[in-house]
């Protein structure tokens, strides 16, 4: 059940970002995915991991480390400050 809620929430957040970005961004800006301060492309599911010092897919990192798929576990594992 937690896994289902995680992916549902992540999907809704991504859909919301994509909808807002395409509605407000100029046509030429939509051709290239937006990168965050670390160069991670959130639209493609990547987030910065302080511990690993790279952009990662949170679900992949959590699965590889046998952790439950939650935002809290990702931030704790990567030593990120929750947003």
N, C-alpha and C. Protein backbone atom coordinates (compact mmCIF):
# COMPACT_ATOMS: atom_id res chain seq x y z
N UNK A 1 0.83 -1.20 0.00
CA UNK A 1 0.00 0.00 0.00
C UNK A 1 0.87 1.26 0.00
N UNK A 2 1.94 1.27 0.81
CA UNK A 2 2.82 2.44 0.84
C UNK A 2 3.49 2.66 -0.51
N UNK A 3 3.87 1.59 -1.16
CA UNK A 3 4.50 1.68 -2.47
C UNK A 3 3.53 2.29 -3.48
N UNK A 4 2.29 1.87 -3.41
CA UNK A 4 1.28 2.39 -4.32
C UNK A 4 1.06 3.88 -4.08
N UNK A 5 1.00 4.30 -2.82
CA UNK A 5 0.82 5.72 -2.51
C UNK A 5 2.03 6.53 -2.96
N UNK A 6 3.22 5.97 -2.80
CA UNK A 6 4.45 6.67 -3.20
C UNK A 6 4.43 6.96 -4.70
N UNK A 7 4.14 5.93 -5.51
CA UNK A 7 4.14 6.12 -6.95
C UNK A 7 2.99 6.99 -7.41
N UNK A 8 1.87 6.90 -6.75
CA UNK A 8 0.72 7.74 -7.09
C UNK A 8 1.06 9.21 -6.82
N UNK A 9 1.63 9.48 -5.65
CA UNK A 9 2.00 10.86 -5.30
C UNK A 9 3.08 11.38 -6.23
N UNK A 10 4.07 10.54 -6.54
CA UNK A 10 5.14 10.96 -7.44
C UNK A 10 4.60 11.25 -8.83
N UNK A 11 3.70 10.41 -9.29
CA UNK A 11 3.10 10.61 -10.61
C UNK A 11 2.27 11.88 -10.68
N UNK A 12 1.50 12.14 -9.63
CA UNK A 12 0.70 13.36 -9.60
C UNK A 12 1.58 14.60 -9.55
N UNK A 13 2.65 14.55 -8.77
CA UNK A 13 3.57 15.69 -8.69
C UNK A 13 4.22 15.95 -10.04
N UNK A 14 4.65 14.89 -10.70
CA UNK A 14 5.28 15.03 -12.01
C UNK A 14 4.28 15.57 -13.03
N UNK A 15 3.08 15.04 -13.02
CA UNK A 15 2.05 15.50 -13.94
C UNK A 15 1.75 16.98 -13.71
N UNK A 16 1.69 17.38 -12.46
CA UNK A 16 1.43 18.78 -12.13
C UNK A 16 2.54 19.67 -12.66
N UNK A 17 3.79 19.24 -12.47
CA UNK A 17 4.93 20.03 -12.95
C UNK A 17 4.92 20.13 -14.47
N UNK A 18 4.66 19.03 -15.13
CA UNK A 18 4.65 19.03 -16.59
C UNK A 18 3.52 19.90 -17.13
N UNK A 19 2.37 19.84 -16.51
CA UNK A 19 1.23 20.63 -16.95
C UNK A 19 1.51 22.11 -16.76
N UNK A 20 2.04 22.48 -15.60
CA UNK A 20 2.35 23.88 -15.34
C UNK A 20 3.47 24.38 -16.24
N UNK A 21 4.49 23.58 -16.46
CA UNK A 21 5.62 24.01 -17.28
C UNK A 21 5.19 24.24 -18.72
N UNK A 22 4.39 23.34 -19.26
CA UNK A 22 4.02 23.49 -20.66
C UNK A 22 3.02 24.63 -20.86
N UNK A 23 2.27 24.97 -19.83
CA UNK A 23 1.30 26.04 -19.96
C UNK A 23 1.94 27.41 -19.86
N UNK A 24 3.07 27.52 -19.16
CA UNK A 24 3.65 28.84 -18.92
C UNK A 24 4.97 29.08 -19.63
N UNK A 25 5.66 28.04 -20.05
CA UNK A 25 6.97 28.21 -20.66
C UNK A 25 6.84 28.54 -22.14
N UNK A 26 7.75 29.37 -22.64
CA UNK A 26 7.76 29.63 -24.08
C UNK A 26 8.05 28.33 -24.85
N UNK A 27 7.65 28.29 -26.09
CA UNK A 27 7.77 27.07 -26.90
C UNK A 27 9.21 26.56 -26.95
N UNK A 28 10.19 27.44 -27.12
CA UNK A 28 11.58 26.98 -27.23
C UNK A 28 12.12 26.46 -25.90
N UNK A 29 11.60 26.92 -24.78
CA UNK A 29 12.06 26.45 -23.47
C UNK A 29 11.57 25.03 -23.19
N UNK A 30 10.48 24.62 -23.80
CA UNK A 30 9.93 23.29 -23.56
C UNK A 30 10.69 22.20 -24.30
N UNK A 31 11.58 22.55 -25.18
CA UNK A 31 12.31 21.55 -25.94
C UNK A 31 13.37 20.84 -25.10
N UNK A 32 13.86 21.50 -24.07
CA UNK A 32 14.92 20.94 -23.24
C UNK A 32 14.42 20.79 -21.81
N UNK A 33 14.62 19.62 -21.20
CA UNK A 33 14.16 19.44 -19.82
C UNK A 33 14.90 20.39 -18.87
N UNK A 34 14.18 20.88 -17.90
CA UNK A 34 14.77 21.77 -16.90
C UNK A 34 15.66 20.98 -15.96
N UNK A 35 16.79 21.57 -15.61
CA UNK A 35 17.71 20.94 -14.66
C UNK A 35 17.71 21.76 -13.38
N UNK A 36 17.91 21.07 -12.25
CA UNK A 36 17.99 21.79 -10.99
C UNK A 36 19.41 22.32 -10.79
N UNK A 37 19.69 22.84 -9.61
CA UNK A 37 20.99 23.45 -9.32
C UNK A 37 22.15 22.46 -9.47
N UNK A 38 21.86 21.17 -9.36
CA UNK A 38 22.91 20.15 -9.46
C UNK A 38 22.99 19.53 -10.85
N UNK A 39 22.10 19.94 -11.73
CA UNK A 39 22.08 19.39 -13.08
C UNK A 39 21.18 18.18 -13.23
N UNK A 40 20.38 17.89 -12.21
CA UNK A 40 19.47 16.74 -12.26
C UNK A 40 18.19 17.13 -13.01
N UNK A 41 17.71 16.24 -13.83
CA UNK A 41 16.49 16.47 -14.59
C UNK A 41 15.33 15.82 -13.84
N UNK A 42 14.61 16.63 -13.08
CA UNK A 42 13.50 16.13 -12.28
C UNK A 42 12.39 15.54 -13.12
N UNK A 43 12.17 16.09 -14.31
CA UNK A 43 11.12 15.58 -15.20
C UNK A 43 11.39 14.15 -15.63
N UNK A 44 12.63 13.73 -15.54
CA UNK A 44 12.98 12.36 -15.90
C UNK A 44 13.17 11.48 -14.67
N UNK A 45 12.80 12.01 -13.50
CA UNK A 45 12.81 11.23 -12.28
C UNK A 45 14.10 11.27 -11.49
N UNK A 46 14.99 12.20 -11.80
CA UNK A 46 16.27 12.26 -11.10
C UNK A 46 16.25 13.31 -9.99
N UNK A 47 16.93 12.98 -8.89
CA UNK A 47 17.11 13.89 -7.77
C UNK A 47 18.55 13.80 -7.31
N UNK A 48 19.04 14.87 -6.70
CA UNK A 48 20.41 14.90 -6.20
C UNK A 48 20.51 14.10 -4.91
N UNK A 49 21.58 13.32 -4.80
CA UNK A 49 21.87 12.55 -3.60
C UNK A 49 23.21 13.04 -3.06
N UNK A 50 23.19 13.69 -1.91
CA UNK A 50 24.40 14.24 -1.31
C UNK A 50 25.41 13.13 -1.02
N UNK A 51 24.93 12.04 -0.44
CA UNK A 51 25.82 10.93 -0.05
C UNK A 51 26.55 10.34 -1.26
N UNK A 52 25.85 10.16 -2.36
CA UNK A 52 26.45 9.56 -3.55
C UNK A 52 27.07 10.59 -4.49
N UNK A 53 26.78 11.86 -4.23
CA UNK A 53 27.31 12.97 -5.03
C UNK A 53 26.97 12.82 -6.52
N UNK A 54 25.71 12.47 -6.77
CA UNK A 54 25.26 12.35 -8.16
C UNK A 54 23.74 12.39 -8.23
N UNK A 55 23.25 12.61 -9.44
CA UNK A 55 21.81 12.56 -9.69
C UNK A 55 21.41 11.10 -9.74
N UNK A 56 20.34 10.77 -9.04
CA UNK A 56 19.88 9.38 -8.98
C UNK A 56 18.37 9.34 -9.10
N UNK A 57 17.87 8.16 -9.41
CA UNK A 57 16.43 7.92 -9.34
C UNK A 57 16.16 7.39 -7.94
N UNK A 58 15.37 8.13 -7.14
CA UNK A 58 15.14 7.72 -5.75
C UNK A 58 14.68 6.28 -5.60
N UNK A 59 13.76 5.83 -6.45
CA UNK A 59 13.26 4.46 -6.31
C UNK A 59 14.38 3.44 -6.51
N UNK A 60 15.27 3.69 -7.45
CA UNK A 60 16.36 2.75 -7.71
C UNK A 60 17.31 2.67 -6.51
N UNK A 61 17.65 3.82 -5.95
CA UNK A 61 18.55 3.85 -4.79
C UNK A 61 17.92 3.12 -3.61
N UNK A 62 16.64 3.36 -3.37
CA UNK A 62 15.98 2.73 -2.23
C UNK A 62 15.86 1.22 -2.42
N UNK A 63 15.51 0.79 -3.62
CA UNK A 63 15.39 -0.65 -3.89
C UNK A 63 16.75 -1.33 -3.74
N UNK A 64 17.80 -0.72 -4.29
CA UNK A 64 19.14 -1.30 -4.20
C UNK A 64 19.63 -1.43 -2.76
N UNK A 65 19.10 -0.58 -1.88
CA UNK A 65 19.53 -0.59 -0.48
C UNK A 65 18.47 -1.19 0.44
N UNK A 66 17.52 -1.91 -0.15
CA UNK A 66 16.48 -2.61 0.60
C UNK A 66 15.74 -1.71 1.58
N UNK A 67 15.39 -0.52 1.10
CA UNK A 67 14.65 0.44 1.93
C UNK A 67 13.25 0.62 1.35
N UNK A 68 12.32 0.92 2.24
CA UNK A 68 10.95 1.19 1.81
C UNK A 68 10.93 2.45 0.95
N UNK A 69 10.10 2.44 -0.07
CA UNK A 69 10.03 3.55 -1.02
C UNK A 69 9.25 4.73 -0.44
N UNK A 70 9.94 5.55 0.33
CA UNK A 70 9.33 6.77 0.87
C UNK A 70 10.30 7.92 0.66
N UNK A 71 9.75 9.12 0.58
CA UNK A 71 10.59 10.31 0.44
C UNK A 71 11.49 10.47 1.65
N UNK A 72 10.97 10.15 2.83
CA UNK A 72 11.77 10.28 4.05
C UNK A 72 12.99 9.36 4.00
N UNK A 73 12.80 8.13 3.55
CA UNK A 73 13.93 7.19 3.45
C UNK A 73 14.96 7.67 2.44
N UNK A 74 14.50 8.24 1.34
CA UNK A 74 15.43 8.75 0.34
C UNK A 74 16.27 9.89 0.92
N UNK A 75 15.61 10.85 1.56
CA UNK A 75 16.33 11.99 2.13
C UNK A 75 17.29 11.54 3.24
N UNK A 76 16.85 10.58 4.05
CA UNK A 76 17.71 10.09 5.12
C UNK A 76 18.92 9.35 4.55
N UNK A 77 18.69 8.47 3.58
CA UNK A 77 19.80 7.71 2.99
C UNK A 77 20.79 8.65 2.31
N UNK A 78 20.28 9.60 1.55
CA UNK A 78 21.16 10.50 0.79
C UNK A 78 21.67 11.67 1.63
N UNK A 79 21.22 11.76 2.85
CA UNK A 79 21.62 12.84 3.75
C UNK A 79 21.20 14.20 3.19
N UNK A 80 20.08 14.21 2.49
CA UNK A 80 19.52 15.45 1.95
C UNK A 80 18.61 16.08 2.99
N UNK A 81 18.47 17.37 2.90
CA UNK A 81 17.49 18.05 3.74
C UNK A 81 16.15 17.94 3.02
N UNK A 82 15.09 17.46 3.71
CA UNK A 82 13.78 17.36 3.05
C UNK A 82 13.31 18.71 2.56
N UNK A 83 12.64 18.70 1.42
CA UNK A 83 12.15 19.95 0.83
C UNK A 83 10.74 20.23 1.27
